[in-house]
Protein backbone atom coordinates (compact mmCIF):
# COMPACT_ATOMS: atom_id res chain seq x y z
CA UNK A 1 36.23 75.48 81.39
CA UNK A 2 38.72 73.74 82.92
CA UNK A 3 40.36 75.57 86.76
CA UNK A 4 43.36 75.23 87.12
CA UNK A 5 45.60 77.07 90.07
CA UNK A 6 48.65 77.57 90.55
CA UNK A 7 51.78 76.44 93.37
CA UNK A 8 53.98 79.22 94.28
CA UNK A 9 58.18 77.50 94.20
CA UNK A 10 60.86 79.40 95.30
CA UNK A 11 63.53 79.33 93.07
CA UNK A 12 66.34 77.30 93.31
CA UNK A 13 69.44 77.95 95.06
CA UNK A 14 72.06 79.96 92.81
CA UNK A 15 74.59 77.91 90.97
CA UNK A 16 76.30 79.23 87.67
CA UNK A 17 75.79 76.37 84.62
CA UNK A 18 79.48 76.87 84.26
CA UNK A 19 81.32 76.55 87.25
CA UNK A 20 84.84 75.56 87.88
CA UNK A 21 84.39 72.80 90.87
CA UNK A 22 87.55 74.13 92.14
CA UNK A 23 86.48 77.68 92.28
CA UNK A 24 84.53 78.56 95.84
CA UNK A 25 81.55 79.54 95.33
CA UNK A 26 82.09 82.90 97.33
CA UNK A 27 84.03 84.05 94.38
CA UNK A 28 81.15 82.62 91.65
CA UNK A 29 80.54 85.52 89.09
CA UNK A 30 77.42 86.31 88.29
CA UNK A 31 74.69 88.21 85.59
CA UNK A 32 71.69 90.39 85.91
CA UNK A 33 69.40 87.90 85.96
CA UNK A 34 71.63 86.23 88.59
CA UNK A 35 71.37 89.12 90.72
CA UNK A 36 68.11 90.20 89.92
CA UNK A 37 67.33 86.84 91.68
CA UNK A 38 69.16 86.57 94.40
CA UNK A 39 67.82 90.45 95.14
CA UNK A 40 64.23 89.25 94.92
CA UNK A 41 64.66 92.48 92.47
CA UNK A 42 63.31 92.86 88.76
CA UNK A 43 65.95 93.25 85.69
CA UNK A 44 65.66 96.95 85.60
CA UNK A 45 66.15 97.68 89.66
CA UNK A 46 69.04 96.08 88.94
CA UNK A 47 70.28 98.08 86.33
CA UNK A 48 69.04 101.37 87.83
CA UNK A 49 71.46 99.65 90.79
CA UNK A 50 74.61 99.66 88.36
CA UNK A 51 73.41 103.11 86.53
CA UNK A 52 73.70 105.01 89.90
CA UNK A 53 77.26 102.87 89.98
CA UNK A 54 75.48 101.88 93.98
CA UNK A 55 76.45 97.78 93.39
CA UNK A 56 79.71 96.62 93.07
CA UNK A 57 80.08 95.29 89.50
CA UNK A 58 82.06 95.00 86.25
CA UNK A 59 81.09 95.26 82.51
CA UNK A 60 82.76 92.86 80.23
CA UNK A 61 82.29 96.05 76.82
CA UNK A 62 77.99 95.72 76.65
CA UNK A 63 78.35 92.39 79.64
CA UNK A 64 77.31 93.42 83.06
CA UNK A 65 78.78 91.06 85.59
CA UNK A 66 78.96 90.64 89.47
CA UNK A 67 80.51 88.74 91.86
CA UNK A 68 78.78 87.00 94.29
CA UNK A 69 81.58 87.52 97.14
CA UNK A 70 81.45 91.01 96.33
CA UNK A 71 77.53 91.65 96.10
CA UNK A 72 77.06 89.71 99.77
CA UNK A 73 79.78 91.92 101.44
CA UNK A 74 77.79 94.80 100.05
CA UNK A 75 74.68 93.61 101.12
CA UNK A 76 76.28 92.89 105.02
CA UNK A 77 76.07 96.40 105.67
CA UNK A 78 72.48 96.13 106.20
CA UNK A 79 71.75 93.12 107.52
CA UNK A 80 73.76 94.57 110.41
CA UNK A 81 71.82 97.47 110.58
CA UNK A 82 68.64 95.11 110.59
CA UNK A 83 70.14 93.58 113.80
CA UNK A 84 70.90 96.88 115.59
CA UNK A 85 67.60 97.71 115.34
CA UNK A 86 66.17 94.59 116.13
CA UNK A 87 64.78 93.26 112.68
């Protein structure tokens, strides 16, 4: 029986596949999988945050989309609190 070892590699930076080159990266539109990777949480956690209206999002029919800039602004108060507490 062969033994294989697994090496964990960090995910590549998030860049939407169909991004217009003239569009600033801060205005990128992301889907649930992209946001889950960005926040390093599971898809179900993203859906829970959306259901509780805690995460800025837009619904397009059954699809949920996120502005990367809006999500980064949503995260900003957390980073400010962590810095104030010396974290």
